[in-house]
Amino acid sequence: QAQKTFNTQLAQFQMDRETVSPPVRAMMVPATPRATVW
């Protein structure tokens, strides 16, 4: 849902025995709420 909503892709890897999923490209917000989202 997050990938689709923010038009991004999440990676997945292990870091200190934790699975982390950072975005690997810039996240985007559509025009309607964009002016509000900092």
All heavy atoms as atom14 arrays in JSON, in Angstrom:
{
  "sequence": "QAQKTFNTQLAQFQMDRETVSPPVRAMMVPATPRATVW",
  "atom14_mask": [
    [1, 1, 1, 1, 1, 1, 1, 1, 1, 0, 0, 0, 0, 0],
    [1, 1, 1, 1, 1, 0, 0, 0, 0, 0, 0, 0, 0, 0],
    [1, 1, 1, 1, 1, 1, 1, 1, 1, 0, 0, 0, 0, 0],
    [1, 1, 1, 1, 1, 1, 1, 1, 1, 0, 0, 0, 0, 0],
    [1, 1, 1, 1, 1, 1, 1, 0, 0, 0, 0, 0, 0, 0],
    [1, 1, 1, 1, 1, 1, 1, 1, 1, 1, 1, 0, 0, 0],
    [1, 1, 1, 1, 1, 1, 1, 1, 0, 0, 0, 0, 0, 0],
    [1, 1, 1, 1, 1, 1, 1, 0, 0, 0, 0, 0, 0, 0],
    [1, 1, 1, 1, 1, 1, 1, 1, 1, 0, 0, 0, 0, 0],
    [1, 1, 1, 1, 1, 1, 1, 1, 0, 0, 0, 0, 0, 0],
    [1, 1, 1, 1, 1, 0, 0, 0, 0, 0, 0, 0, 0, 0],
    [1, 1, 1, 1, 1, 1, 1, 1, 1, 0, 0, 0, 0, 0],
    [1, 1, 1, 1, 1, 1, 1, 1, 1, 1, 1, 0, 0, 0],
    [1, 1, 1, 1, 1, 1, 1, 1, 1, 0, 0, 0, 0, 0],
    [1, 1, 1, 1, 1, 1, 1, 1, 0, 0, 0, 0, 0, 0],
    [1, 1, 1, 1, 1, 1, 1, 1, 0, 0, 0, 0, 0, 0],
    [1, 1, 1, 1, 1, 1, 1, 1, 1, 1, 1, 0, 0, 0],
    [1, 1, 1, 1, 1, 1, 1, 1, 1, 0, 0, 0, 0, 0],
    [1, 1, 1, 1, 1, 1, 1, 0, 0, 0, 0, 0, 0, 0],
    [1, 1, 1, 1, 1, 1, 1, 0, 0, 0, 0, 0, 0, 0],
    [1, 1, 1, 1, 1, 1, 0, 0, 0, 0, 0, 0, 0, 0],
    [1, 1, 1, 1, 1, 1, 1, 0, 0, 0, 0, 0, 0, 0],
    [1, 1, 1, 1, 1, 1, 1, 0, 0, 0, 0, 0, 0, 0],
    [1, 1, 1, 1, 1, 1, 1, 0, 0, 0, 0, 0, 0, 0],
    [1, 1, 1, 1, 1, 1, 1, 1, 1, 1, 1, 0, 0, 0],
    [1, 1, 1, 1, 1, 0, 0, 0, 0, 0, 0, 0, 0, 0],
    [1, 1, 1, 1, 1, 1, 1, 1, 0, 0, 0, 0, 0, 0],
    [1, 1, 1, 1, 1, 1, 1, 1, 0, 0, 0, 0, 0, 0],
    [1, 1, 1, 1, 1, 1, 1, 0, 0, 0, 0, 0, 0, 0],
    [1, 1, 1, 1, 1, 1, 1, 0, 0, 0, 0, 0, 0, 0],
    [1, 1, 1, 1, 1, 0, 0, 0, 0, 0, 0, 0, 0, 0],
    [1, 1, 1, 1, 1, 1, 1, 0, 0, 0, 0, 0, 0, 0],
    [1, 1, 1, 1, 1, 1, 1, 0, 0, 0, 0, 0, 0, 0],
    [1, 1, 1, 1, 1, 1, 1, 1, 1, 1, 1, 0, 0, 0],
    [1, 1, 1, 1, 1, 0, 0, 0, 0, 0, 0, 0, 0, 0],
    [1, 1, 1, 1, 1, 1, 1, 0, 0, 0, 0, 0, 0, 0],
    [1, 1, 1, 1, 1, 1, 1, 0, 0, 0, 0, 0, 0, 0],
    [1, 1, 1, 1, 1, 1, 1, 1, 1, 1, 1, 1, 1, 1]
  ],
  "atom14_positions": [
    [[0.83, -1.2, 0.0], [0.0, 0.0, 0.0], [0.87, 1.26, 0.0], [0.59, 2.21, -0.71], [-0.92, 0.02, 1.21], [-2.04, -0.99, 1.14], [-2.75, -1.15, 2.48], [-2.13, -1.22, 3.53], [-4.07, -1.22, 2.42], [0.0, 0.0, 0.0], [0.0, 0.0, 0.0], [0.0, 0.0, 0.0], [0.0, 0.0, 0.0], [0.0, 0.0, 0.0]],
    [[1.92, 1.26, 0.82], [2.8, 2.43, 0.9], [3.5, 2.67, -0.43], [3.61, 3.82, -0.88], [3.81, 2.24, 2.02], [0.0, 0.0, 0.0], [0.0, 0.0, 0.0], [0.0, 0.0, 0.0], [0.0, 0.0, 0.0], [0.0, 0.0, 0.0], [0.0, 0.0, 0.0], [0.0, 0.0, 0.0], [0.0, 0.0, 0.0], [0.0, 0.0, 0.0]],
    [[3.98, 1.6, -1.07], [4.65, 1.75, -2.36], [3.72, 2.35, -3.41], [4.1, 3.26, -4.13], [5.17, 0.39, -2.85], [6.34, -0.11, -2.03], [6.83, -1.47, -2.48], [7.98, -1.58, -2.9], [5.99, -2.49, -2.41], [0.0, 0.0, 0.0], [0.0, 0.0, 0.0], [0.0, 0.0, 0.0], [0.0, 0.0, 0.0], [0.0, 0.0, 0.0]],
    [[2.5, 1.84, -3.45], [1.53, 2.35, -4.43], [1.12, 3.78, -4.11], [1.08, 4.64, -4.99], [0.3, 1.44, -4.46], [-0.71, 1.85, -5.49], [-1.87, 0.88, -5.54], [-2.9, 1.36, -6.58], [-4.08, 0.51, -6.58], [0.0, 0.0, 0.0], [0.0, 0.0, 0.0], [0.0, 0.0, 0.0], [0.0, 0.0, 0.0], [0.0, 0.0, 0.0]],
    [[0.83, 4.06, -2.85], [0.35, 5.37, -2.43], [1.38, 6.47, -2.7], [1.02, 7.56, -3.12], [-0.02, 5.35, -0.94], [-1.04, 4.37, -0.75], [-0.52, 6.7, -0.46], [0.0, 0.0, 0.0], [0.0, 0.0, 0.0], [0.0, 0.0, 0.0], [0.0, 0.0, 0.0], [0.0, 0.0, 0.0], [0.0, 0.0, 0.0], [0.0, 0.0, 0.0]],
    [[2.65, 6.17, -2.45], [3.7, 7.19, -2.57], [4.6, 6.96, -3.78], [5.67, 7.56, -3.89], [4.51, 7.26, -1.28], [3.66, 7.62, -0.1], [3.54, 6.76, 0.98], [2.95, 8.81, -0.07], [2.74, 7.09, 2.07], [2.14, 9.15, 1.01], [2.04, 8.29, 2.08], [0.0, 0.0, 0.0], [0.0, 0.0, 0.0], [0.0, 0.0, 0.0]],
    [[4.16, 6.12, -4.71], [4.88, 5.85, -5.96], [6.38, 5.64, -5.72], [7.22, 6.33, -6.28], [4.65, 6.99, -6.96], [5.14, 6.63, -8.34], [5.13, 5.46, -8.72], [5.56, 7.61, -9.09], [0.0, 0.0, 0.0], [0.0, 0.0, 0.0], [0.0, 0.0, 0.0], [0.0, 0.0, 0.0], [0.0, 0.0, 0.0], [0.0, 0.0, 0.0]],
    [[6.67, 4.7, -4.85], [8.06, 4.41, -4.53], [8.28, 2.91, -4.53], [7.36, 2.14, -4.81], [8.46, 5.01, -3.16], [9.88, 4.95, -3.03], [7.78, 4.33, -2.0], [0.0, 0.0, 0.0], [0.0, 0.0, 0.0], [0.0, 0.0, 0.0], [0.0, 0.0, 0.0], [0.0, 0.0, 0.0], [0.0, 0.0, 0.0], [0.0, 0.0, 0.0]],
    [[9.48, 2.51, -4.25], [9.82, 1.09, -4.13], [10.58, 0.93, -2.82], [11.47, 1.72, -2.5], [10.69, 0.65, -5.3], [11.07, -0.81, -5.25], [11.95, -1.18, -6.43], [12.28, -0.36, -7.28], [12.34, -2.43, -6.47], [0.0, 0.0, 0.0], [0.0, 0.0, 0.0], [0.0, 0.0, 0.0], [0.0, 0.0, 0.0], [0.0, 0.0, 0.0]],
    [[10.24, -0.1, -2.08], [10.91, -0.37, -0.82], [11.89, -1.53, -0.99], [11.55, -2.54, -1.59], [9.9, -0.73, 0.28], [8.84, 0.33, 0.59], [7.86, -0.2, 1.62], [9.47, 1.62, 1.06], [0.0, 0.0, 0.0], [0.0, 0.0, 0.0], [0.0, 0.0, 0.0], [0.0, 0.0, 0.0], [0.0, 0.0, 0.0], [0.0, 0.0, 0.0]],
    [[13.09, -1.36, -0.48], [14.07, -2.44, -0.46], [13.83, -3.24, 0.81], [13.07, -2.84, 1.68], [15.47, -1.88, -0.46], [0.0, 0.0, 0.0], [0.0, 0.0, 0.0], [0.0, 0.0, 0.0], [0.0, 0.0, 0.0], [0.0, 0.0, 0.0], [0.0, 0.0, 0.0], [0.0, 0.0, 0.0], [0.0, 0.0, 0.0], [0.0, 0.0, 0.0]],
    [[14.49, -4.37, 0.94], [14.39, -5.13, 2.19], [15.74, -5.79, 2.44], [16.27, -6.47, 1.57], [13.3, -6.18, 2.1], [12.98, -6.78, 3.46], [11.77, -7.69, 3.37], [11.82, -8.74, 2.77], [10.69, -7.25, 4.0], [0.0, 0.0, 0.0], [0.0, 0.0, 0.0], [0.0, 0.0, 0.0], [0.0, 0.0, 0.0], [0.0, 0.0, 0.0]],
    [[16.3, -5.51, 3.62], [17.57, -6.13, 3.97], [17.7, -6.24, 5.48], [16.92, -5.66, 6.23], [18.75, -5.37, 3.35], [18.87, -3.93, 3.76], [19.64, -3.57, 4.85], [18.22, -2.95, 3.04], [19.74, -2.24, 5.24], [18.33, -1.61, 3.42], [19.1, -1.27, 4.52], [0.0, 0.0, 0.0], [0.0, 0.0, 0.0], [0.0, 0.0, 0.0]],
    [[18.69, -6.98, 5.91], [18.94, -7.2, 7.34], [19.95, -6.18, 7.85], [20.96, -5.92, 7.2], [19.5, -8.61, 7.57], [18.55, -9.72, 7.22], [17.37, -9.78, 8.17], [17.52, -9.64, 9.37], [16.19, -9.98, 7.63], [0.0, 0.0, 0.0], [0.0, 0.0, 0.0], [0.0, 0.0, 0.0], [0.0, 0.0, 0.0], [0.0, 0.0, 0.0]],
    [[19.68, -5.63, 9.02], [20.59, -4.69, 9.66], [20.51, -4.94, 11.17], [19.44, -4.75, 11.76], [20.2, -3.25, 9.33], [21.2, -2.23, 9.85], [20.82, -0.58, 9.24], [19.75, 0.0, 10.55], [0.0, 0.0, 0.0], [0.0, 0.0, 0.0], [0.0, 0.0, 0.0], [0.0, 0.0, 0.0], [0.0, 0.0, 0.0], [0.0, 0.0, 0.0]],
    [[21.6, -5.39, 11.74], [21.61, -5.68, 13.18], [20.47, -6.6, 13.58], [19.74, -6.34, 14.53], [21.57, -4.39, 14.0], [22.77, -3.5, 13.77], [23.87, -4.05, 13.53], [22.61, -2.27, 13.82], [0.0, 0.0, 0.0], [0.0, 0.0, 0.0], [0.0, 0.0, 0.0], [0.0, 0.0, 0.0], [0.0, 0.0, 0.0], [0.0, 0.0, 0.0]],
    [[20.29, -7.68, 12.84], [19.26, -8.69, 13.09], [17.83, -8.19, 12.92], [16.88, -8.84, 13.34], [19.44, -9.33, 14.46], [20.71, -10.14, 14.56], [20.72, -10.88, 15.85], [22.01, -10.61, 16.49], [22.29, -10.92, 17.73], [21.41, -11.51, 18.47], [23.46, -10.65, 18.22], [0.0, 0.0, 0.0], [0.0, 0.0, 0.0], [0.0, 0.0, 0.0]],
    [[17.67, -7.05, 12.34], [16.34, -6.49, 12.06], [16.16, -6.45, 10.55], [17.1, -6.2, 9.8], [16.24, -5.05, 12.59], [16.38, -4.92, 14.08], [15.07, -5.07, 14.81], [14.01, -5.09, 14.17], [15.11, -5.18, 16.04], [0.0, 0.0, 0.0], [0.0, 0.0, 0.0], [0.0, 0.0, 0.0], [0.0, 0.0, 0.0], [0.0, 0.0, 0.0]],
    [[14.94, -6.67, 10.1], [14.63, -6.48, 8.69], [14.16, -5.05, 8.52], [13.22, -4.62, 9.19], [13.52, -7.45, 8.23], [13.97, -8.78, 8.43], [13.18, -7.24, 6.77], [0.0, 0.0, 0.0], [0.0, 0.0, 0.0], [0.0, 0.0, 0.0], [0.0, 0.0, 0.0], [0.0, 0.0, 0.0], [0.0, 0.0, 0.0], [0.0, 0.0, 0.0]],
    [[14.83, -4.31, 7.66], [14.44, -2.92, 7.4], [14.01, -2.8, 5.95], [14.47, -3.55, 5.08], [15.57, -1.93, 7.74], [15.86, -1.91, 9.22], [16.83, -2.25, 6.96], [0.0, 0.0, 0.0], [0.0, 0.0, 0.0], [0.0, 0.0, 0.0], [0.0, 0.0, 0.0], [0.0, 0.0, 0.0], [0.0, 0.0, 0.0], [0.0, 0.0, 0.0]],
    [[13.12, -1.85, 5.68], [12.56, -1.68, 4.34], [12.54, -0.21, 3.95], [11.48, 0.41, 3.89], [11.15, -2.25, 4.28], [11.14, -3.6, 4.61], [0.0, 0.0, 0.0], [0.0, 0.0, 0.0], [0.0, 0.0, 0.0], [0.0, 0.0, 0.0], [0.0, 0.0, 0.0], [0.0, 0.0, 0.0], [0.0, 0.0, 0.0], [0.0, 0.0, 0.0]],
    [[13.7, 0.37, 3.68], [13.73, 1.79, 3.3], [13.31, 1.99, 1.84], [13.45, 1.08, 1.02], [15.19, 2.17, 3.49], [15.92, 0.92, 3.18], [15.04, -0.19, 3.73], [0.0, 0.0, 0.0], [0.0, 0.0, 0.0], [0.0, 0.0, 0.0], [0.0, 0.0, 0.0], [0.0, 0.0, 0.0], [0.0, 0.0, 0.0], [0.0, 0.0, 0.0]],
    [[12.79, 3.17, 1.52], [12.49, 3.46, 0.12], [13.79, 3.6, -0.66], [14.77, 4.15, -0.14], [11.72, 4.78, 0.17], [11.95, 5.34, 1.52], [12.39, 4.24, 2.41], [0.0, 0.0, 0.0], [0.0, 0.0, 0.0], [0.0, 0.0, 0.0], [0.0, 0.0, 0.0], [0.0, 0.0, 0.0], [0.0, 0.0, 0.0], [0.0, 0.0, 0.0]],
    [[13.8, 3.1, -1.89], [15.01, 3.19, -2.72], [14.89, 4.25, -3.81], [15.81, 4.44, -4.58], [15.39, 1.82, -3.33], [15.8, 0.85, -2.24], [14.26, 1.25, -4.16], [0.0, 0.0, 0.0], [0.0, 0.0, 0.0], [0.0, 0.0, 0.0], [0.0, 0.0, 0.0], [0.0, 0.0, 0.0], [0.0, 0.0, 0.0], [0.0, 0.0, 0.0]],
    [[13.77, 4.91, -3.87], [13.63, 6.07, -4.75], [12.72, 7.07, -4.06], [11.97, 6.72, -3.14], [13.14, 5.69, -6.13], [11.74, 5.18, -6.22], [11.33, 4.97, -7.69], [9.94, 4.62, -7.74], [9.47, 3.49, -8.22], [10.28, 2.58, -8.69], [8.17, 3.25, -8.23], [0.0, 0.0, 0.0], [0.0, 0.0, 0.0], [0.0, 0.0, 0.0]],
    [[12.79, 8.3, -4.49], [12.03, 9.38, -3.85], [10.55, 9.05, -3.79], [9.98, 8.51, -4.74], [12.25, 10.68, -4.6], [0.0, 0.0, 0.0], [0.0, 0.0, 0.0], [0.0, 0.0, 0.0], [0.0, 0.0, 0.0], [0.0, 0.0, 0.0], [0.0, 0.0, 0.0], [0.0, 0.0, 0.0], [0.0, 0.0, 0.0], [0.0, 0.0, 0.0]],
    [[9.94, 9.38, -2.67], [8.5, 9.19, -2.51], [7.78, 10.39, -3.1], [8.3, 11.51, -3.06], [8.16, 9.03, -1.03], [8.78, 7.79, -0.43], [8.48, 7.64, 1.34], [9.63, 8.85, 1.98], [0.0, 0.0, 0.0], [0.0, 0.0, 0.0], [0.0, 0.0, 0.0], [0.0, 0.0, 0.0], [0.0, 0.0, 0.0], [0.0, 0.0, 0.0]],
    [[6.6, 10.16, -3.64], [5.83, 11.23, -4.26], [4.44, 11.3, -3.65], [3.88, 10.27, -3.29], [5.75, 11.01, -5.76], [7.12, 10.98, -6.43], [7.03, 10.6, -8.18], [6.23, 12.06, -8.8], [0.0, 0.0, 0.0], [0.0, 0.0, 0.0], [0.0, 0.0, 0.0], [0.0, 0.0, 0.0], [0.0, 0.0, 0.0], [0.0, 0.0, 0.0]],
    [[3.92, 12.49, -3.57], [2.56, 12.71, -3.08], [1.79, 13.4, -4.2], [2.28, 14.36, -4.78], [2.57, 13.61, -1.82], [1.15, 13.92, -1.36], [3.38, 12.96, -0.71], [0.0, 0.0, 0.0], [0.0, 0.0, 0.0], [0.0, 0.0, 0.0], [0.0, 0.0, 0.0], [0.0, 0.0, 0.0], [0.0, 0.0, 0.0], [0.0, 0.0, 0.0]],
    [[0.58, 12.93, -4.54], [-0.2, 13.56, -5.6], [-0.5, 15.03, -5.3], [-0.4, 15.48, -4.16], [-1.5, 12.75, -5.63], [-1.13, 11.45, -5.02], [-0.07, 11.76, -3.99], [0.0, 0.0, 0.0], [0.0, 0.0, 0.0], [0.0, 0.0, 0.0], [0.0, 0.0, 0.0], [0.0, 0.0, 0.0], [0.0, 0.0, 0.0], [0.0, 0.0, 0.0]],
    [[-0.86, 15.76, -6.31], [-1.05, 17.2, -6.21], [-2.03, 17.64, -5.12], [-1.79, 18.63, -4.44], [-1.51, 17.76, -7.56], [0.0, 0.0, 0.0], [0.0, 0.0, 0.0], [0.0, 0.0, 0.0], [0.0, 0.0, 0.0], [0.0, 0.0, 0.0], [0.0, 0.0, 0.0], [0.0, 0.0, 0.0], [0.0, 0.0, 0.0], [0.0, 0.0, 0.0]],
    [[-3.12, 16.9, -4.91], [-4.15, 17.36, -3.98], [-3.62, 17.58, -2.57], [-3.72, 18.68, -2.07], [-5.36, 16.4, -3.96], [-5.89, 16.34, -5.28], [-6.43, 16.88, -3.02], [0.0, 0.0, 0.0], [0.0, 0.0, 0.0], [0.0, 0.0, 0.0], [0.0, 0.0, 0.0], [0.0, 0.0, 0.0], [0.0, 0.0, 0.0], [0.0, 0.0, 0.0]],
    [[-3.03, 16.6, -1.9], [-2.53, 16.9, -0.55], [-1.09, 17.42, -0.54], [-0.58, 17.78, 0.51], [-2.63, 15.57, 0.18], [-2.47, 14.54, -0.87], [-3.06, 15.15, -2.12], [0.0, 0.0, 0.0], [0.0, 0.0, 0.0], [0.0, 0.0, 0.0], [0.0, 0.0, 0.0], [0.0, 0.0, 0.0], [0.0, 0.0, 0.0], [0.0, 0.0, 0.0]],
    [[-0.39, 17.48, -1.69], [1.03, 17.83, -1.72], [1.33, 19.18, -1.07], [2.33, 19.33, -0.38], [1.57, 17.83, -3.14], [3.07, 18.07, -3.17], [3.67, 18.09, -4.55], [3.29, 16.93, -5.31], [3.0, 16.94, -6.6], [3.07, 18.06, -7.28], [2.65, 15.84, -7.22], [0.0, 0.0, 0.0], [0.0, 0.0, 0.0], [0.0, 0.0, 0.0]],
    [[0.5, 20.18, -1.28], [0.76, 21.51, -0.73], [0.8, 21.49, 0.79], [1.42, 22.33, 1.42], [-0.29, 22.5, -1.21], [0.0, 0.0, 0.0], [0.0, 0.0, 0.0], [0.0, 0.0, 0.0], [0.0, 0.0, 0.0], [0.0, 0.0, 0.0], [0.0, 0.0, 0.0], [0.0, 0.0, 0.0], [0.0, 0.0, 0.0], [0.0, 0.0, 0.0]],
    [[0.16, 20.52, 1.39], [0.1, 20.41, 2.85], [1.21, 19.53, 3.41], [1.66, 19.75, 4.53], [-1.27, 19.82, 3.26], [-2.29, 20.63, 2.71], [-1.43, 19.77, 4.76], [0.0, 0.0, 0.0], [0.0, 0.0, 0.0], [0.0, 0.0, 0.0], [0.0, 0.0, 0.0], [0.0, 0.0, 0.0], [0.0, 0.0, 0.0], [0.0, 0.0, 0.0]],
    [[1.66, 18.55, 2.66], [2.64, 17.58, 3.15], [4.04, 18.16, 3.08], [4.52, 18.5, 2.0], [2.55, 16.26, 2.34], [3.64, 15.29, 2.79], [1.17, 15.65, 2.48], [0.0, 0.0, 0.0], [0.0, 0.0, 0.0], [0.0, 0.0, 0.0], [0.0, 0.0, 0.0], [0.0, 0.0, 0.0], [0.0, 0.0, 0.0], [0.0, 0.0, 0.0]],
    [[4.69, 18.27, 4.23], [6.05, 18.8, 4.29], [7.08, 17.69, 4.22], [8.17, 17.87, 3.72], [6.26, 19.58, 5.58], [5.4, 20.79, 5.72], [4.8, 21.5, 4.71], [5.01, 21.43, 6.92], [4.07, 22.54, 5.22], [4.19, 22.52, 6.59], [5.28, 21.19, 8.26], [3.65, 23.36, 7.53], [4.73, 22.03, 9.19], [3.93, 23.11, 8.84]]
  ]
}
